[in-house]
Amino acid sequence: MNPHHLIKMANAIGDFFSSMPDQEQAARDAASHIKRFWEKRMQQSFFDYIKEHGDEELKPIMKHALTFMNEELGAYHG
């Protein structure tokens, strides 16, 4: 899957959850959404891209969500 499309999707997820009043919970929920609804190869492609190119393309909430993805998925956290 195209990693740029995955970044766009992740940022859209972040936009949705960023309307929550508790931004810490919003980041957790965004991370949980990716864990539950993205298939493993999508997750792997996303994290491989972030590892190689950094997280500059991600919105702040999704950068924060990486912390929780690391805890939940054993994935990247920069």
N, C-alpha and C. Protein backbone atom coordinates (compact mmCIF):
# COMPACT_ATOMS: atom_id res chain seq x y z
N MET A 1 0.84 -1.17 0.00
CA MET A 1 0.00 0.00 0.00
C MET A 1 0.89 1.24 0.00
N ASN A 2 0.44 2.26 -0.67
CA ASN A 2 1.18 3.51 -0.79
C ASN A 2 1.32 4.17 0.58
N PRO A 3 2.55 4.34 1.06
CA PRO A 3 2.72 4.93 2.40
C PRO A 3 2.20 6.36 2.50
N HIS A 4 2.23 7.11 1.41
CA HIS A 4 1.72 8.48 1.46
C HIS A 4 0.21 8.47 1.69
N HIS A 5 -0.46 7.47 1.12
CA HIS A 5 -1.90 7.33 1.35
C HIS A 5 -2.16 6.96 2.81
N LEU A 6 -1.31 6.11 3.37
CA LEU A 6 -1.46 5.72 4.78
C LEU A 6 -1.25 6.92 5.71
N ILE A 7 -0.29 7.77 5.38
CA ILE A 7 -0.06 8.98 6.17
C ILE A 7 -1.31 9.87 6.12
N LYS A 8 -1.86 10.01 4.92
CA LYS A 8 -3.08 10.81 4.76
C LYS A 8 -4.23 10.22 5.57
N MET A 9 -4.37 8.90 5.53
CA MET A 9 -5.41 8.23 6.31
C MET A 9 -5.19 8.43 7.81
N ALA A 10 -3.95 8.27 8.25
CA ALA A 10 -3.63 8.44 9.67
C ALA A 10 -3.96 9.86 10.12
N ASN A 11 -3.62 10.85 9.31
CA ASN A 11 -3.91 12.23 9.66
C ASN A 11 -5.42 12.49 9.70
N ALA A 12 -6.18 11.84 8.81
CA ALA A 12 -7.64 11.97 8.84
C ALA A 12 -8.20 11.37 10.13
N ILE A 13 -7.65 10.24 10.55
CA ILE A 13 -8.05 9.64 11.83
C ILE A 13 -7.73 10.61 12.96
N GLY A 14 -6.56 11.20 12.91
CA GLY A 14 -6.18 12.19 13.91
C GLY A 14 -7.12 13.38 13.94
N ASP A 15 -7.53 13.85 12.76
CA ASP A 15 -8.47 14.97 12.69
C ASP A 15 -9.77 14.62 13.41
N PHE A 16 -10.25 13.40 13.18
CA PHE A 16 -11.49 12.97 13.82
C PHE A 16 -11.36 12.98 15.34
N PHE A 17 -10.32 12.34 15.84
CA PHE A 17 -10.16 12.21 17.29
C PHE A 17 -9.71 13.51 17.96
N SER A 18 -9.13 14.43 17.21
CA SER A 18 -8.64 15.67 17.82
C SER A 18 -9.76 16.56 18.34
N SER A 19 -10.99 16.28 17.96
CA SER A 19 -12.12 17.08 18.47
C SER A 19 -12.48 16.70 19.91
N MET A 20 -11.90 15.62 20.41
CA MET A 20 -12.17 15.20 21.80
C MET A 20 -11.54 16.20 22.77
N PRO A 21 -12.20 16.47 23.89
CA PRO A 21 -11.63 17.44 24.84
C PRO A 21 -10.33 16.96 25.50
N ASP A 22 -10.20 15.67 25.73
CA ASP A 22 -9.00 15.11 26.35
C ASP A 22 -8.05 14.64 25.25
N GLN A 23 -7.02 15.42 24.96
CA GLN A 23 -6.12 15.11 23.85
C GLN A 23 -5.27 13.87 24.11
N GLU A 24 -5.00 13.57 25.36
CA GLU A 24 -4.28 12.34 25.69
C GLU A 24 -5.11 11.13 25.29
N GLN A 25 -6.40 11.16 25.66
CA GLN A 25 -7.30 10.06 25.30
C GLN A 25 -7.52 10.03 23.79
N ALA A 26 -7.56 11.18 23.17
CA ALA A 26 -7.73 11.25 21.72
C ALA A 26 -6.58 10.54 21.01
N ALA A 27 -5.36 10.77 21.47
CA ALA A 27 -4.20 10.10 20.87
C ALA A 27 -4.27 8.60 21.11
N ARG A 28 -4.68 8.19 22.31
CA ARG A 28 -4.84 6.76 22.60
C ARG A 28 -5.89 6.13 21.68
N ASP A 29 -7.00 6.83 21.50
CA ASP A 29 -8.07 6.30 20.66
C ASP A 29 -7.66 6.23 19.20
N ALA A 30 -6.89 7.21 18.74
CA ALA A 30 -6.39 7.17 17.36
C ALA A 30 -5.46 5.98 17.17
N ALA A 31 -4.59 5.74 18.13
CA ALA A 31 -3.69 4.58 18.06
C ALA A 31 -4.48 3.28 18.08
N SER A 32 -5.47 3.21 18.93
CA SER A 32 -6.31 2.02 19.03
C SER A 32 -7.07 1.77 17.74
N HIS A 33 -7.52 2.84 17.11
CA HIS A 33 -8.25 2.71 15.84
C HIS A 33 -7.37 2.04 14.78
N ILE A 34 -6.14 2.49 14.67
CA ILE A 34 -5.22 1.89 13.70
C ILE A 34 -4.96 0.43 14.06
N LYS A 35 -4.78 0.14 15.30
CA LYS A 35 -4.55 -1.24 15.74
C LYS A 35 -5.73 -2.14 15.37
N ARG A 36 -6.95 -1.65 15.58
CA ARG A 36 -8.13 -2.48 15.36
C ARG A 36 -8.56 -2.58 13.91
N PHE A 37 -8.39 -1.50 13.14
CA PHE A 37 -9.01 -1.46 11.83
C PHE A 37 -8.06 -1.54 10.64
N TRP A 38 -6.79 -1.35 10.86
CA TRP A 38 -5.83 -1.49 9.77
C TRP A 38 -5.28 -2.91 9.79
N GLU A 39 -5.24 -3.52 8.62
CA GLU A 39 -4.65 -4.86 8.57
C GLU A 39 -3.15 -4.77 8.81
N LYS A 40 -2.57 -5.88 9.17
CA LYS A 40 -1.16 -5.90 9.59
C LYS A 40 -0.22 -5.34 8.53
N ARG A 41 -0.46 -5.64 7.26
CA ARG A 41 0.45 -5.12 6.23
C ARG A 41 0.35 -3.60 6.09
N MET A 42 -0.83 -3.05 6.33
CA MET A 42 -0.98 -1.59 6.33
C MET A 42 -0.18 -0.98 7.48
N GLN A 43 -0.33 -1.58 8.66
CA GLN A 43 0.41 -1.10 9.82
C GLN A 43 1.91 -1.19 9.57
N GLN A 44 2.36 -2.30 9.03
CA GLN A 44 3.79 -2.50 8.79
C GLN A 44 4.32 -1.48 7.78
N SER A 45 3.58 -1.27 6.71
CA SER A 45 3.99 -0.29 5.70
C SER A 45 4.07 1.12 6.30
N PHE A 46 3.10 1.46 7.12
CA PHE A 46 3.06 2.76 7.79
C PHE A 46 4.28 2.94 8.69
N PHE A 47 4.54 1.95 9.54
CA PHE A 47 5.65 2.06 10.49
C PHE A 47 7.00 2.00 9.78
N ASP A 48 7.11 1.20 8.74
CA ASP A 48 8.36 1.15 7.98
C ASP A 48 8.67 2.51 7.36
N TYR A 49 7.64 3.15 6.83
CA TYR A 49 7.82 4.47 6.23
C TYR A 49 8.24 5.49 7.29
N ILE A 50 7.58 5.47 8.44
CA ILE A 50 7.92 6.40 9.52
C ILE A 50 9.35 6.17 9.99
N LYS A 51 9.75 4.92 10.13
CA LYS A 51 11.11 4.61 10.55
C LYS A 51 12.14 5.15 9.57
N GLU A 52 11.83 5.04 8.29
CA GLU A 52 12.79 5.45 7.27
C GLU A 52 12.79 6.96 7.03
N HIS A 53 11.61 7.58 7.08
CA HIS A 53 11.49 8.99 6.68
C HIS A 53 11.15 9.95 7.81
N GLY A 54 10.89 9.43 8.99
CA GLY A 54 10.50 10.29 10.10
C GLY A 54 9.01 10.58 10.11
N ASP A 55 8.59 11.31 11.14
CA ASP A 55 7.16 11.55 11.32
C ASP A 55 6.73 12.98 10.99
N GLU A 56 7.53 13.70 10.22
CA GLU A 56 7.25 15.10 9.92
C GLU A 56 5.93 15.30 9.19
N GLU A 57 5.48 14.31 8.43
CA GLU A 57 4.23 14.44 7.67
C GLU A 57 2.99 14.22 8.54
N LEU A 58 3.20 13.73 9.74
CA LEU A 58 2.07 13.46 10.63
C LEU A 58 1.66 14.71 11.39
N LYS A 59 0.36 14.82 11.63
CA LYS A 59 -0.15 15.89 12.47
C LYS A 59 0.24 15.61 13.92
N PRO A 60 0.28 16.66 14.75
CA PRO A 60 0.74 16.48 16.13
C PRO A 60 0.02 15.37 16.90
N ILE A 61 -1.29 15.25 16.73
CA ILE A 61 -2.00 14.20 17.47
C ILE A 61 -1.53 12.81 17.06
N MET A 62 -1.19 12.63 15.79
CA MET A 62 -0.73 11.32 15.34
C MET A 62 0.71 11.07 15.76
N LYS A 63 1.50 12.12 15.86
CA LYS A 63 2.85 11.96 16.42
C LYS A 63 2.74 11.47 17.86
N HIS A 64 1.80 12.05 18.60
CA HIS A 64 1.59 11.62 19.99
C HIS A 64 1.03 10.19 20.02
N ALA A 65 0.16 9.87 19.08
CA ALA A 65 -0.42 8.52 19.01
C ALA A 65 0.66 7.46 18.80
N LEU A 66 1.76 7.83 18.15
CA LEU A 66 2.86 6.87 17.95
C LEU A 66 3.36 6.32 19.28
N THR A 67 3.31 7.13 20.32
CA THR A 67 3.72 6.67 21.65
C THR A 67 2.88 5.48 22.07
N PHE A 68 1.59 5.58 21.86
CA PHE A 68 0.68 4.51 22.27
C PHE A 68 0.74 3.34 21.30
N MET A 69 1.00 3.62 20.04
CA MET A 69 1.16 2.52 19.08
C MET A 69 2.37 1.69 19.46
N ASN A 70 3.41 2.35 19.92
CA ASN A 70 4.60 1.64 20.37
C ASN A 70 4.25 0.72 21.54
N GLU A 71 3.48 1.22 22.49
CA GLU A 71 3.08 0.41 23.64
C GLU A 71 2.18 -0.74 23.23
N GLU A 72 1.21 -0.46 22.37
CA GLU A 72 0.20 -1.45 22.01
C GLU A 72 0.66 -2.40 20.92
N LEU A 73 1.44 -1.91 19.99
CA LEU A 73 1.79 -2.71 18.82
C LEU A 73 3.24 -3.15 18.80
N GLY A 74 4.03 -2.62 19.72
CA GLY A 74 5.46 -2.89 19.65
C GLY A 74 6.06 -2.26 18.40
N ALA A 75 5.49 -1.13 17.99
CA ALA A 75 5.88 -0.49 16.74
C ALA A 75 6.82 0.68 17.01
N TYR A 76 7.01 1.48 15.98
CA TYR A 76 7.93 2.61 16.02
C TYR A 76 7.47 3.69 16.98
N HIS A 77 8.41 4.27 17.65
CA HIS A 77 8.21 5.55 18.34
C HIS A 77 9.51 6.32 18.24
N GLY A 78 9.47 7.45 17.56
CA GLY A 78 10.67 8.24 17.35
C GLY A 78 10.90 9.26 18.40
